[in-house]
Amino acid sequence: MFDGSFRTAFDKSVVPVGRRLQKLGVSPDFITFTGVLMAGVCGVAIGLGQFPLALLLLILTGVPDALDGAVAKAGGRSGPRGAFLDSVSDRLSDALIFAGSGWYLLENENPRLVMLPFALYIAASLVSYERAKAESLGFDAKGGIMERAERFIALGFGLLFNPWFTYTLWVMLALTVVTVGTRFVKVWKQASVDTPKPARRTRRRSRRRASGRSTRRQASQR
């Protein structure tokens, strides 16, 4: 949902900050690793039930995620290596935060609910994988009602109103599964259009058979 005009406007707004950090000698990789570290501490805070602190750390986790790309562009260092590192760090950050959520549910709720953050992480990973795989094949898989930015906002809501934390995770799971299905259908339709029709394959096969028969006839006549 936010990966559109809002994302473009936000990227433009952090350009001056990225240039300033680049002039100060701050490395985009350092910013990325800082974000992963903040996510790990956020996961621990969630596991310990320190929701106000976890909310603050969650916000701080999003700051490096927004600035590393701006610093890389300001220094002319944006490229496949940085994109790969950013994607891996995002998955690791999500895993640490969801692990903390599972830890909290294990200690304070029904132990079986530990599977809820686990299922949520699987669904969230599928959302990211569908886009990455689709783009590698030349298709578009952007969009959905529960992307990474929306998950951060929803989780922040659950941490702010902590009695609703578990219910928030259920809603996140449902909306993430819907996003998985939406992206799958979107790519499936694109791939179906670009796939050759069976009729054409039949014609090609018939032509090959005909050419093969004519070759046999010519050989027999010789």
N, C-alpha and C. Protein backbone atom coordinates (compact mmCIF):
# COMPACT_ATOMS: atom_id res chain seq x y z
N MET A 1 0.82 -1.21 0.00
CA MET A 1 0.00 0.00 0.00
C MET A 1 0.86 1.26 0.00
N PHE A 2 1.90 1.29 0.85
CA PHE A 2 2.75 2.46 0.93
C PHE A 2 3.86 2.46 -0.11
N ASP A 3 3.99 1.35 -0.85
CA ASP A 3 5.06 1.24 -1.83
C ASP A 3 4.61 1.87 -3.15
N GLY A 4 4.36 3.16 -3.12
CA GLY A 4 3.89 3.87 -4.31
C GLY A 4 4.29 5.32 -4.22
N SER A 5 3.31 6.21 -4.37
CA SER A 5 3.59 7.63 -4.31
C SER A 5 4.11 8.04 -2.93
N PHE A 6 3.59 7.39 -1.88
CA PHE A 6 4.05 7.70 -0.53
C PHE A 6 5.52 7.34 -0.37
N ARG A 7 5.91 6.20 -0.90
CA ARG A 7 7.30 5.75 -0.81
C ARG A 7 8.21 6.72 -1.55
N THR A 8 7.78 7.15 -2.74
CA THR A 8 8.58 8.08 -3.52
C THR A 8 8.77 9.40 -2.80
N ALA A 9 7.68 9.92 -2.24
CA ALA A 9 7.77 11.18 -1.50
C ALA A 9 8.64 11.05 -0.27
N PHE A 10 8.55 9.92 0.42
CA PHE A 10 9.36 9.71 1.62
C PHE A 10 10.84 9.62 1.27
N ASP A 11 11.16 8.91 0.18
CA ASP A 11 12.56 8.80 -0.24
C ASP A 11 13.15 10.17 -0.56
N LYS A 12 12.35 11.03 -1.18
CA LYS A 12 12.82 12.37 -1.49
C LYS A 12 13.05 13.19 -0.23
N SER A 13 12.23 12.97 0.79
CA SER A 13 12.35 13.76 2.02
C SER A 13 13.60 13.42 2.81
N VAL A 14 14.11 12.19 2.67
CA VAL A 14 15.29 11.79 3.44
C VAL A 14 16.59 11.98 2.67
N VAL A 15 16.50 12.50 1.45
CA VAL A 15 17.71 12.73 0.65
C VAL A 15 18.68 13.68 1.35
N PRO A 16 18.22 14.84 1.88
CA PRO A 16 19.16 15.74 2.58
C PRO A 16 19.83 15.08 3.78
N VAL A 17 19.07 14.28 4.52
CA VAL A 17 19.65 13.58 5.68
C VAL A 17 20.71 12.58 5.23
N GLY A 18 20.42 11.88 4.14
CA GLY A 18 21.38 10.93 3.60
C GLY A 18 22.67 11.61 3.16
N ARG A 19 22.56 12.76 2.54
CA ARG A 19 23.75 13.50 2.12
C ARG A 19 24.56 13.96 3.32
N ARG A 20 23.87 14.41 4.35
CA ARG A 20 24.57 14.87 5.54
C ARG A 20 25.33 13.74 6.22
N LEU A 21 24.70 12.58 6.35
CA LEU A 21 25.36 11.43 6.97
C LEU A 21 26.53 10.95 6.13
N GLN A 22 26.38 11.03 4.81
CA GLN A 22 27.46 10.61 3.93
C GLN A 22 28.67 11.52 4.08
N LYS A 23 28.44 12.81 4.23
CA LYS A 23 29.54 13.75 4.43
C LYS A 23 30.23 13.52 5.77
N LEU A 24 29.48 13.03 6.74
CA LEU A 24 30.07 12.74 8.05
C LEU A 24 30.84 11.43 8.06
N GLY A 25 30.81 10.70 6.95
CA GLY A 25 31.55 9.45 6.83
C GLY A 25 30.82 8.24 7.34
N VAL A 26 29.51 8.34 7.50
CA VAL A 26 28.72 7.20 7.98
C VAL A 26 28.50 6.22 6.83
N SER A 27 28.82 4.98 7.03
CA SER A 27 28.67 3.95 6.00
C SER A 27 27.23 3.44 5.95
N PRO A 28 26.67 3.22 4.76
CA PRO A 28 25.31 2.65 4.68
C PRO A 28 25.25 1.25 5.26
N ASP A 29 26.33 0.48 5.17
CA ASP A 29 26.36 -0.86 5.77
C ASP A 29 26.27 -0.77 7.29
N PHE A 30 26.95 0.22 7.86
CA PHE A 30 26.88 0.42 9.31
C PHE A 30 25.46 0.74 9.75
N ILE A 31 24.77 1.56 8.96
CA ILE A 31 23.38 1.90 9.27
C ILE A 31 22.50 0.65 9.19
N THR A 32 22.74 -0.17 8.19
CA THR A 32 21.96 -1.40 8.04
C THR A 32 22.16 -2.34 9.22
N PHE A 33 23.40 -2.54 9.63
CA PHE A 33 23.69 -3.43 10.76
C PHE A 33 23.13 -2.85 12.07
N THR A 34 23.11 -1.52 12.17
CA THR A 34 22.52 -0.89 13.34
C THR A 34 21.03 -1.20 13.43
N GLY A 35 20.36 -1.20 12.27
CA GLY A 35 18.94 -1.53 12.24
C GLY A 35 18.67 -2.96 12.68
N VAL A 36 19.53 -3.88 12.26
CA VAL A 36 19.38 -5.28 12.68
C VAL A 36 19.58 -5.41 14.18
N LEU A 37 20.58 -4.69 14.72
CA LEU A 37 20.83 -4.72 16.16
C LEU A 37 19.64 -4.17 16.94
N MET A 38 19.04 -3.09 16.45
CA MET A 38 17.88 -2.50 17.11
C MET A 38 16.71 -3.47 17.07
N ALA A 39 16.56 -4.19 15.97
CA ALA A 39 15.47 -5.17 15.86
C ALA A 39 15.66 -6.30 16.87
N GLY A 40 16.92 -6.72 17.07
CA GLY A 40 17.18 -7.77 18.04
C GLY A 40 16.85 -7.32 19.46
N VAL A 41 17.23 -6.10 19.80
CA VAL A 41 16.92 -5.56 21.13
C VAL A 41 15.41 -5.38 21.28
N CYS A 42 14.74 -4.97 20.19
CA CYS A 42 13.28 -4.83 20.21
C CYS A 42 12.62 -6.17 20.48
N GLY A 43 13.14 -7.23 19.85
CA GLY A 43 12.59 -8.57 20.08
C GLY A 43 12.74 -9.01 21.53
N VAL A 44 13.88 -8.69 22.13
CA VAL A 44 14.09 -9.03 23.54
C VAL A 44 13.10 -8.26 24.42
N ALA A 45 12.89 -6.97 24.11
CA ALA A 45 11.96 -6.15 24.90
C ALA A 45 10.54 -6.69 24.79
N ILE A 46 10.15 -7.14 23.60
CA ILE A 46 8.82 -7.74 23.45
C ILE A 46 8.72 -9.02 24.27
N GLY A 47 9.76 -9.86 24.19
CA GLY A 47 9.74 -11.11 24.94
C GLY A 47 9.63 -10.90 26.43
N LEU A 48 10.22 -9.82 26.93
CA LEU A 48 10.17 -9.52 28.37
C LEU A 48 8.90 -8.77 28.76
N GLY A 49 8.06 -8.46 27.77
CA GLY A 49 6.82 -7.75 28.07
C GLY A 49 6.99 -6.26 28.28
N GLN A 50 8.15 -5.72 27.91
CA GLN A 50 8.40 -4.28 28.04
C GLN A 50 7.91 -3.56 26.78
N PHE A 51 6.60 -3.47 26.65
CA PHE A 51 6.02 -2.98 25.40
C PHE A 51 6.32 -1.51 25.10
N PRO A 52 6.29 -0.60 26.08
CA PRO A 52 6.65 0.80 25.76
C PRO A 52 8.07 0.91 25.21
N LEU A 53 9.00 0.21 25.84
CA LEU A 53 10.38 0.21 25.35
C LEU A 53 10.46 -0.44 23.98
N ALA A 54 9.72 -1.54 23.79
CA ALA A 54 9.72 -2.23 22.51
C ALA A 54 9.18 -1.34 21.40
N LEU A 55 8.16 -0.53 21.71
CA LEU A 55 7.60 0.38 20.73
C LEU A 55 8.63 1.42 20.31
N LEU A 56 9.36 1.96 21.26
CA LEU A 56 10.41 2.93 20.96
C LEU A 56 11.50 2.30 20.10
N LEU A 57 11.90 1.09 20.44
CA LEU A 57 12.93 0.39 19.68
C LEU A 57 12.44 0.03 18.28
N LEU A 58 11.15 -0.29 18.16
CA LEU A 58 10.59 -0.60 16.85
C LEU A 58 10.66 0.62 15.93
N ILE A 59 10.36 1.78 16.49
CA ILE A 59 10.46 3.02 15.72
C ILE A 59 11.91 3.28 15.31
N LEU A 60 12.82 3.07 16.26
CA LEU A 60 14.24 3.28 15.96
C LEU A 60 14.75 2.27 14.94
N THR A 61 14.15 1.08 14.90
CA THR A 61 14.53 0.08 13.91
C THR A 61 14.18 0.55 12.51
N GLY A 62 13.07 1.27 12.38
CA GLY A 62 12.65 1.74 11.07
C GLY A 62 13.49 2.88 10.54
N VAL A 63 14.16 3.62 11.44
CA VAL A 63 14.97 4.77 11.00
C VAL A 63 16.17 4.32 10.15
N PRO A 64 17.01 3.38 10.60
CA PRO A 64 18.10 2.92 9.74
C PRO A 64 17.62 2.31 8.44
N ASP A 65 16.49 1.63 8.50
CA ASP A 65 15.94 1.01 7.29
C ASP A 65 15.58 2.07 6.25
N ALA A 66 15.23 3.28 6.73
CA ALA A 66 14.87 4.35 5.80
C ALA A 66 16.08 5.14 5.33
N LEU A 67 17.16 5.12 6.10
CA LEU A 67 18.30 5.99 5.80
C LEU A 67 19.44 5.30 5.06
N ASP A 68 19.57 3.98 5.18
CA ASP A 68 20.72 3.33 4.55
C ASP A 68 20.74 3.50 3.04
N GLY A 69 19.55 3.42 2.42
CA GLY A 69 19.48 3.63 0.98
C GLY A 69 19.80 5.05 0.57
N ALA A 70 19.36 6.03 1.38
CA ALA A 70 19.63 7.43 1.08
C ALA A 70 21.12 7.73 1.17
N VAL A 71 21.80 7.16 2.17
CA VAL A 71 23.23 7.37 2.32
C VAL A 71 23.99 6.70 1.17
N ALA A 72 23.55 5.51 0.77
CA ALA A 72 24.20 4.81 -0.33
C ALA A 72 24.09 5.61 -1.63
N LYS A 73 22.91 6.17 -1.89
CA LYS A 73 22.72 6.96 -3.11
C LYS A 73 23.54 8.24 -3.07
N ALA A 74 23.61 8.86 -1.89
CA ALA A 74 24.37 10.10 -1.75
C ALA A 74 25.85 9.87 -2.02
N GLY A 75 26.35 8.71 -1.65
CA GLY A 75 27.76 8.40 -1.86
C GLY A 75 28.03 7.64 -3.14
N GLY A 76 27.00 7.44 -3.96
CA GLY A 76 27.18 6.71 -5.21
C GLY A 76 27.52 5.25 -5.00
N ARG A 77 27.03 4.67 -3.89
CA ARG A 77 27.37 3.29 -3.55
C ARG A 77 26.18 2.36 -3.64
N SER A 78 25.09 2.84 -4.21
CA SER A 78 23.92 1.97 -4.35
C SER A 78 24.15 0.99 -5.49
N GLY A 79 23.76 -0.23 -5.27
CA GLY A 79 23.97 -1.25 -6.29
C GLY A 79 23.47 -2.60 -5.82
N PRO A 80 23.76 -3.67 -6.58
CA PRO A 80 23.27 -5.01 -6.22
C PRO A 80 23.75 -5.48 -4.85
N ARG A 81 25.00 -5.16 -4.48
CA ARG A 81 25.51 -5.63 -3.20
C ARG A 81 24.72 -5.03 -2.04
N GLY A 82 24.49 -3.72 -2.12
CA GLY A 82 23.72 -3.07 -1.06
C GLY A 82 22.28 -3.54 -1.02
N ALA A 83 21.69 -3.76 -2.20
CA ALA A 83 20.32 -4.25 -2.26
C ALA A 83 20.21 -5.65 -1.66
N PHE A 84 21.21 -6.48 -1.93
CA PHE A 84 21.21 -7.83 -1.37
C PHE A 84 21.33 -7.79 0.15
N LEU A 85 22.25 -6.97 0.65
CA LEU A 85 22.43 -6.85 2.10
C LEU A 85 21.18 -6.31 2.76
N ASP A 86 20.55 -5.33 2.13
CA ASP A 86 19.35 -4.73 2.70
C ASP A 86 18.21 -5.75 2.78
N SER A 87 18.07 -6.57 1.73
CA SER A 87 17.01 -7.57 1.72
C SER A 87 17.23 -8.63 2.79
N VAL A 88 18.47 -9.10 2.92
CA VAL A 88 18.78 -10.11 3.93
C VAL A 88 18.57 -9.56 5.33
N SER A 89 19.00 -8.32 5.55
CA SER A 89 18.87 -7.71 6.88
C SER A 89 17.40 -7.50 7.24
N ASP A 90 16.57 -7.20 6.25
CA ASP A 90 15.13 -7.06 6.52
C ASP A 90 14.52 -8.37 6.99
N ARG A 91 14.89 -9.46 6.34
CA ARG A 91 14.36 -10.77 6.75
C ARG A 91 14.85 -11.13 8.15
N LEU A 92 16.11 -10.83 8.43
CA LEU A 92 16.66 -11.14 9.76
C LEU A 92 15.99 -10.28 10.83
N SER A 93 15.76 -9.02 10.54
CA SER A 93 15.09 -8.14 11.50
C SER A 93 13.68 -8.63 11.80
N ASP A 94 12.96 -9.02 10.75
CA ASP A 94 11.61 -9.55 10.95
C ASP A 94 11.65 -10.80 11.83
N ALA A 95 12.62 -11.68 11.58
CA ALA A 95 12.73 -12.91 12.35
C ALA A 95 12.98 -12.62 13.82
N LEU A 96 13.83 -11.66 14.12
CA LEU A 96 14.15 -11.33 15.51
C LEU A 96 12.94 -10.76 16.24
N ILE A 97 12.19 -9.92 15.55
CA ILE A 97 11.01 -9.31 16.17
C ILE A 97 9.91 -10.35 16.39
N PHE A 98 9.69 -11.21 15.41
CA PHE A 98 8.67 -12.25 15.56
C PHE A 98 9.08 -13.29 16.59
N ALA A 99 10.39 -13.54 16.69
CA ALA A 99 10.86 -14.47 17.72
C ALA A 99 10.58 -13.91 19.11
N GLY A 100 10.78 -12.60 19.27
CA GLY A 100 10.45 -11.97 20.54
C GLY A 100 8.97 -12.06 20.85
N SER A 101 8.14 -11.92 19.82
CA SER A 101 6.70 -12.04 20.01
C SER A 101 6.32 -13.45 20.44
N GLY A 102 6.96 -14.45 19.83
CA GLY A 102 6.71 -15.83 20.24
C GLY A 102 7.16 -16.10 21.66
N TRP A 103 8.27 -15.52 22.05
CA TRP A 103 8.77 -15.64 23.42
C TRP A 103 7.76 -15.09 24.42
N TYR A 104 7.20 -13.93 24.10
CA TYR A 104 6.21 -13.31 25.00
C TYR A 104 4.97 -14.18 25.12
N LEU A 105 4.46 -14.68 23.99
CA LEU A 105 3.26 -15.51 24.03
C LEU A 105 3.50 -16.82 24.77
N LEU A 106 4.71 -17.35 24.64
CA LEU A 106 5.05 -18.60 25.33
C LEU A 106 5.03 -18.42 26.84
N GLU A 107 5.44 -17.26 27.31
CA GLU A 107 5.54 -17.02 28.74
C GLU A 107 4.25 -16.48 29.36
N ASN A 108 3.43 -15.80 28.55
CA ASN A 108 2.29 -15.08 29.13
C ASN A 108 0.93 -15.52 28.59
N GLU A 109 0.90 -16.30 27.52
CA GLU A 109 -0.36 -16.73 26.95
C GLU A 109 -0.38 -18.25 26.83
N ASN A 110 -1.31 -18.76 26.07
CA ASN A 110 -1.34 -20.19 25.79
C ASN A 110 -0.08 -20.56 25.00
N PRO A 111 0.70 -21.53 25.47
CA PRO A 111 1.95 -21.88 24.78
C PRO A 111 1.76 -22.21 23.30
N ARG A 112 0.57 -22.70 22.95
CA ARG A 112 0.33 -23.02 21.55
C ARG A 112 0.33 -21.78 20.66
N LEU A 113 0.10 -20.62 21.25
CA LEU A 113 0.08 -19.39 20.47
C LEU A 113 1.46 -19.00 19.96
N VAL A 114 2.50 -19.72 20.41
CA VAL A 114 3.83 -19.44 19.90
C VAL A 114 3.90 -19.67 18.40
N MET A 115 2.97 -20.49 17.88
CA MET A 115 2.93 -20.75 16.45
C MET A 115 2.38 -19.56 15.66
N LEU A 116 1.72 -18.63 16.33
CA LEU A 116 1.15 -17.48 15.65
C LEU A 116 2.23 -16.58 15.03
N PRO A 117 3.24 -16.14 15.80
CA PRO A 117 4.32 -15.36 15.17
C PRO A 117 5.10 -16.17 14.14
N PHE A 118 5.20 -17.48 14.38
CA PHE A 118 5.90 -18.35 13.42
C PHE A 118 5.16 -18.36 12.08
N ALA A 119 3.84 -18.52 12.14
CA ALA A 119 3.04 -18.50 10.91
C ALA A 119 3.09 -17.12 10.25
N LEU A 120 3.11 -16.09 11.06
CA LEU A 120 3.18 -14.73 10.53
C LEU A 120 4.49 -14.49 9.81
N TYR A 121 5.58 -15.01 10.35
CA TYR A 121 6.88 -14.86 9.70
C TYR A 121 6.92 -15.62 8.37
N ILE A 122 6.32 -16.81 8.34
CA ILE A 122 6.28 -17.57 7.09
C ILE A 122 5.50 -16.79 6.02
N ALA A 123 4.35 -16.25 6.40
CA ALA A 123 3.55 -15.49 5.45
C ALA A 123 4.27 -14.24 4.98
N ALA A 124 4.93 -13.54 5.92
CA ALA A 124 5.67 -12.33 5.56
C ALA A 124 6.83 -12.65 4.63
N SER A 125 7.49 -13.77 4.86
CA SER A 125 8.60 -14.18 3.99
C SER A 125 8.10 -14.52 2.59
N LEU A 126 6.91 -15.11 2.51
CA LEU A 126 6.34 -15.41 1.20
C LEU A 126 6.01 -14.14 0.42
N VAL A 127 5.55 -13.12 1.13
CA VAL A 127 5.26 -11.84 0.47
C VAL A 127 6.53 -11.30 -0.18
N SER A 128 7.63 -11.32 0.57
CA SER A 128 8.90 -10.82 0.04
C SER A 128 9.44 -11.72 -1.07
N TYR A 129 9.31 -13.02 -0.88
CA TYR A 129 9.84 -13.96 -1.88
C TYR A 129 9.08 -13.84 -3.21
N GLU A 130 7.78 -13.69 -3.13
CA GLU A 130 6.99 -13.57 -4.35
C GLU A 130 7.44 -12.37 -5.18
N ARG A 131 7.68 -11.27 -4.52
CA ARG A 131 8.13 -10.08 -5.25
C ARG A 131 9.51 -10.29 -5.85
N ALA A 132 10.44 -10.83 -5.05
CA ALA A 132 11.80 -11.05 -5.53
C ALA A 132 11.82 -12.02 -6.71
N LYS A 133 11.10 -13.12 -6.60
CA LYS A 133 11.08 -14.11 -7.67
C LYS A 133 10.38 -13.57 -8.91
N ALA A 134 9.29 -12.85 -8.71
CA ALA A 134 8.56 -12.29 -9.85
C ALA A 134 9.43 -11.30 -10.61
N GLU A 135 10.13 -10.43 -9.89
CA GLU A 135 10.97 -9.44 -10.55
C GLU A 135 12.14 -10.10 -11.27
N SER A 136 12.65 -11.21 -10.74
CA SER A 136 13.73 -11.92 -11.42
C SER A 136 13.25 -12.54 -12.74
N LEU A 137 11.95 -12.79 -12.82
CA LEU A 137 11.35 -13.36 -14.04
C LEU A 137 10.78 -12.29 -14.96
N GLY A 138 10.89 -11.03 -14.55
CA GLY A 138 10.40 -9.94 -15.38
C GLY A 138 8.96 -9.57 -15.15
N PHE A 139 8.37 -9.98 -14.03
CA PHE A 139 6.98 -9.65 -13.71
C PHE A 139 6.91 -8.65 -12.57
N ASP A 140 5.74 -8.11 -12.37
CA ASP A 140 5.51 -7.14 -11.31
C ASP A 140 4.66 -7.77 -10.21
N ALA A 141 5.16 -7.72 -8.97
CA ALA A 141 4.41 -8.30 -7.84
C ALA A 141 4.26 -7.30 -6.71
N LYS A 142 4.35 -6.01 -7.03
CA LYS A 142 4.20 -5.00 -5.98
C LYS A 142 2.74 -4.91 -5.54
N GLY A 143 2.55 -4.34 -4.36
CA GLY A 143 1.20 -4.11 -3.88
C GLY A 143 0.79 -5.10 -2.80
N GLY A 144 -0.38 -4.84 -2.24
CA GLY A 144 -0.89 -5.66 -1.16
C GLY A 144 -1.26 -4.80 0.04
N ILE A 145 -2.11 -5.33 0.89
CA ILE A 145 -2.60 -4.54 2.03
C ILE A 145 -1.74 -4.72 3.28
N MET A 146 -0.78 -5.64 3.26
CA MET A 146 0.06 -5.85 4.44
C MET A 146 1.50 -6.14 4.00
N GLU A 147 2.19 -5.08 3.57
CA GLU A 147 3.60 -5.18 3.25
C GLU A 147 4.41 -4.89 4.51
N ARG A 148 5.71 -4.73 4.36
CA ARG A 148 6.57 -4.58 5.54
C ARG A 148 6.25 -3.31 6.32
N ALA A 149 6.03 -2.21 5.63
CA ALA A 149 5.73 -0.96 6.33
C ALA A 149 4.42 -1.08 7.11
N GLU A 150 3.43 -1.73 6.51
CA GLU A 150 2.16 -1.91 7.21
C GLU A 150 2.31 -2.84 8.42
N ARG A 151 3.18 -3.83 8.30
CA ARG A 151 3.41 -4.73 9.44
C ARG A 151 4.03 -3.97 10.61
N PHE A 152 4.96 -3.08 10.32
CA PHE A 152 5.58 -2.28 11.38
C PHE A 152 4.53 -1.41 12.07
N ILE A 153 3.67 -0.80 11.27
CA ILE A 153 2.64 0.08 11.84
C ILE A 153 1.65 -0.73 12.69
N ALA A 154 1.22 -1.87 12.16
CA ALA A 154 0.27 -2.71 12.91
C ALA A 154 0.90 -3.24 14.20
N LEU A 155 2.15 -3.67 14.13
CA LEU A 155 2.83 -4.16 15.33
C LEU A 155 2.99 -3.04 16.35
N GLY A 156 3.29 -1.85 15.86
CA GLY A 156 3.39 -0.71 16.76
C GLY A 156 2.08 -0.43 17.47
N PHE A 157 0.98 -0.60 16.74
CA PHE A 157 -0.35 -0.44 17.35
C PHE A 157 -0.56 -1.47 18.45
N GLY A 158 -0.16 -2.72 18.19
CA GLY A 158 -0.31 -3.76 19.19
C GLY A 158 0.55 -3.53 20.42
N LEU A 159 1.73 -2.94 20.21
CA LEU A 159 2.60 -2.64 21.35
C LEU A 159 2.08 -1.45 22.14
N LEU A 160 1.46 -0.49 21.45
CA LEU A 160 0.93 0.69 22.13
C LEU A 160 -0.29 0.33 22.97
N PHE A 161 -1.17 -0.49 22.39
CA PHE A 161 -2.36 -0.96 23.11
C PHE A 161 -2.14 -2.44 23.43
N ASN A 162 -1.27 -2.68 24.40
CA ASN A 162 -0.78 -4.05 24.64
C ASN A 162 -1.85 -5.07 25.00
N PRO A 163 -3.02 -4.71 25.57
CA PRO A 163 -4.04 -5.75 25.77
C PRO A 163 -4.53 -6.37 24.46
N TRP A 164 -4.35 -5.64 23.36
CA TRP A 164 -4.77 -6.14 22.06
C TRP A 164 -3.63 -6.73 21.25
N PHE A 165 -2.52 -6.98 21.89
CA PHE A 165 -1.33 -7.43 21.16
C PHE A 165 -1.59 -8.72 20.39
N THR A 166 -2.14 -9.71 21.07
CA THR A 166 -2.39 -11.00 20.41
C THR A 166 -3.40 -10.87 19.28
N TYR A 167 -4.46 -10.09 19.50
CA TYR A 167 -5.45 -9.88 18.45
C TYR A 167 -4.83 -9.17 17.24
N THR A 168 -3.91 -8.26 17.52
CA THR A 168 -3.23 -7.56 16.42
C THR A 168 -2.43 -8.53 15.57
N LEU A 169 -1.77 -9.48 16.22
CA LEU A 169 -1.01 -10.48 15.47
C LEU A 169 -1.92 -11.33 14.59
N TRP A 170 -3.10 -11.67 15.10
CA TRP A 170 -4.06 -12.44 14.29
C TRP A 170 -4.49 -11.64 13.06
N VAL A 171 -4.78 -10.37 13.25
CA VAL A 171 -5.18 -9.52 12.12
C VAL A 171 -4.03 -9.39 11.12
N MET A 172 -2.82 -9.21 11.63
CA MET A 172 -1.66 -9.13 10.75
C MET A 172 -1.50 -10.40 9.93
N LEU A 173 -1.70 -11.56 10.57
CA LEU A 173 -1.57 -12.83 9.86
C LEU A 173 -2.61 -12.93 8.75
N ALA A 174 -3.85 -12.59 9.08
CA ALA A 174 -4.92 -12.69 8.08
C ALA A 174 -4.65 -11.77 6.87
N LEU A 175 -4.27 -10.54 7.14
CA LEU A 175 -4.03 -9.59 6.06
C LEU A 175 -2.76 -9.94 5.26
N THR A 176 -1.77 -10.53 5.93
CA THR A 176 -0.56 -10.94 5.23
C THR A 176 -0.85 -12.11 4.30
N VAL A 177 -1.68 -13.04 4.76
CA VAL A 177 -2.07 -14.17 3.90
C VAL A 177 -2.84 -13.67 2.69
N VAL A 178 -3.71 -12.68 2.89
CA VAL A 178 -4.42 -12.08 1.76
C VAL A 178 -3.44 -11.46 0.77
N THR A 179 -2.42 -10.80 1.29
CA THR A 179 -1.40 -10.19 0.43
C THR A 179 -0.65 -11.26 -0.36
N VAL A 180 -0.34 -12.37 0.29
CA VAL A 180 0.31 -13.49 -0.40
C VAL A 180 -0.55 -13.96 -1.57
N GLY A 181 -1.84 -14.15 -1.31
CA GLY A 181 -2.74 -14.60 -2.37
C GLY A 181 -2.89 -13.57 -3.47
N THR A 182 -2.95 -12.30 -3.11
CA THR A 182 -3.09 -11.23 -4.10
C THR A 182 -1.89 -11.18 -5.04
N ARG A 183 -0.71 -11.25 -4.47
CA ARG A 183 0.50 -11.21 -5.30
C ARG A 183 0.63 -12.45 -6.17
N PHE A 184 0.24 -13.60 -5.61
CA PHE A 184 0.32 -14.84 -6.40
C PHE A 184 -0.58 -14.75 -7.62
N VAL A 185 -1.81 -14.31 -7.41
CA VAL A 185 -2.75 -14.19 -8.52
C VAL A 185 -2.26 -13.18 -9.55
N LYS A 186 -1.70 -12.07 -9.07
CA LYS A 186 -1.21 -11.03 -9.97
C LYS A 186 -0.10 -11.54 -10.88
N VAL A 187 0.85 -12.25 -10.30
CA VAL A 187 1.95 -12.80 -11.10
C VAL A 187 1.47 -13.95 -11.98
N TRP A 188 0.55 -14.75 -11.46
CA TRP A 188 0.02 -15.88 -12.22
C TRP A 188 -0.65 -15.40 -13.51
N LYS A 189 -1.39 -14.31 -13.40
CA LYS A 189 -2.06 -13.76 -14.59
C LYS A 189 -1.04 -13.25 -15.60
N GLN A 190 -0.01 -12.56 -15.12
CA GLN A 190 1.02 -12.06 -16.02
C GLN A 190 1.75 -13.20 -16.71
N ALA A 191 2.08 -14.23 -15.95
CA ALA A 191 2.79 -15.37 -16.51
C ALA A 191 1.92 -16.14 -17.49
N SER A 192 0.62 -16.19 -17.24
CA SER A 192 -0.29 -16.91 -18.13
C SER A 192 -0.42 -16.21 -19.47
N VAL A 193 -0.36 -14.90 -19.47
CA VAL A 193 -0.45 -14.14 -20.72
C VAL A 193 0.80 -14.33 -21.56
N ASP A 194 1.96 -14.37 -20.90
CA ASP A 194 3.22 -14.48 -21.62
C ASP A 194 3.57 -15.90 -22.02
N THR A 195 2.83 -16.88 -21.50
CA THR A 195 3.11 -18.28 -21.83
C THR A 195 2.51 -18.63 -23.19
N PRO A 196 3.24 -19.27 -24.10
CA PRO A 196 2.68 -19.65 -25.41
C PRO A 196 1.45 -20.54 -25.26
N LYS A 197 0.50 -20.34 -26.13
CA LYS A 197 -0.73 -21.11 -26.08
C LYS A 197 -0.50 -22.53 -26.59
N PRO A 198 -1.24 -23.50 -26.05
CA PRO A 198 -1.06 -24.89 -26.50
C PRO A 198 -1.29 -25.07 -27.98
N ALA A 199 -2.21 -24.27 -28.57
CA ALA A 199 -2.52 -24.41 -30.00
C ALA A 199 -1.29 -24.15 -30.85
N ARG A 200 -0.51 -23.15 -30.47
CA ARG A 200 0.69 -22.84 -31.23
C ARG A 200 1.70 -23.98 -31.14
N ARG A 201 1.79 -24.57 -29.96
CA ARG A 201 2.70 -25.69 -29.79
C ARG A 201 2.27 -26.86 -30.68
N THR A 202 0.94 -27.07 -30.78
CA THR A 202 0.43 -28.15 -31.60
C THR A 202 0.77 -27.92 -33.06
N ARG A 203 0.64 -26.65 -33.50
CA ARG A 203 0.96 -26.33 -34.89
C ARG A 203 2.43 -26.56 -35.18
N ARG A 204 3.29 -26.14 -34.22
CA ARG A 204 4.71 -26.33 -34.43
C ARG A 204 5.07 -27.81 -34.52
N ARG A 205 4.42 -28.59 -33.64
CA ARG A 205 4.68 -30.02 -33.67
C ARG A 205 4.21 -30.65 -34.97
N SER A 206 3.04 -30.18 -35.45
CA SER A 206 2.52 -30.74 -36.70
C SER A 206 3.43 -30.38 -37.87
N ARG A 207 3.98 -29.13 -37.82
CA ARG A 207 4.90 -28.72 -38.88
C ARG A 207 6.17 -29.55 -38.86
N ARG A 208 6.67 -29.81 -37.64
CA ARG A 208 7.87 -30.62 -37.52
C ARG A 208 7.62 -32.03 -38.04
N ARG A 209 6.41 -32.58 -37.69
CA ARG A 209 6.09 -33.92 -38.18
C ARG A 209 5.97 -33.95 -39.70
N ALA A 210 5.36 -32.87 -40.25
CA ALA A 210 5.20 -32.81 -41.70
C ALA A 210 6.55 -32.72 -42.38
N SER A 211 7.44 -31.87 -41.83
CA SER A 211 8.77 -31.74 -42.42
C SER A 211 9.53 -33.05 -42.30
N GLY A 212 9.32 -33.75 -41.20
CA GLY A 212 9.99 -35.04 -41.03
C GLY A 212 9.49 -36.06 -42.03
N ARG A 213 8.19 -36.06 -42.28
CA ARG A 213 7.63 -36.98 -43.27
C ARG A 213 8.14 -36.69 -44.66
N SER A 214 8.21 -35.37 -45.01
CA SER A 214 8.69 -35.01 -46.34
C SER A 214 10.12 -35.42 -46.53
N THR A 215 10.91 -35.28 -45.45
CA THR A 215 12.32 -35.68 -45.53
C THR A 215 12.43 -37.18 -45.76
N ARG A 216 11.56 -37.95 -45.10
CA ARG A 216 11.59 -39.41 -45.27
C ARG A 216 11.19 -39.78 -46.70
N ARG A 217 10.18 -39.05 -47.22
CA ARG A 217 9.74 -39.33 -48.59
C ARG A 217 10.86 -39.06 -49.60
N GLN A 218 11.54 -37.93 -49.41
CA GLN A 218 12.62 -37.60 -50.32
C GLN A 218 13.74 -38.64 -50.23
N ALA A 219 13.97 -39.11 -49.03
CA ALA A 219 15.03 -40.12 -48.86
C ALA A 219 14.64 -41.42 -49.53
N SER A 220 13.34 -41.77 -49.44
CA SER A 220 12.89 -43.02 -50.05
C SER A 220 12.92 -42.92 -51.56
N GLN A 221 12.61 -41.70 -52.09
CA GLN A 221 12.65 -41.53 -53.52
C GLN A 221 14.06 -41.62 -54.07
N ARG A 222 15.02 -41.14 -53.25
CA ARG A 222 16.40 -41.26 -53.67
C ARG A 222 16.85 -42.72 -53.66
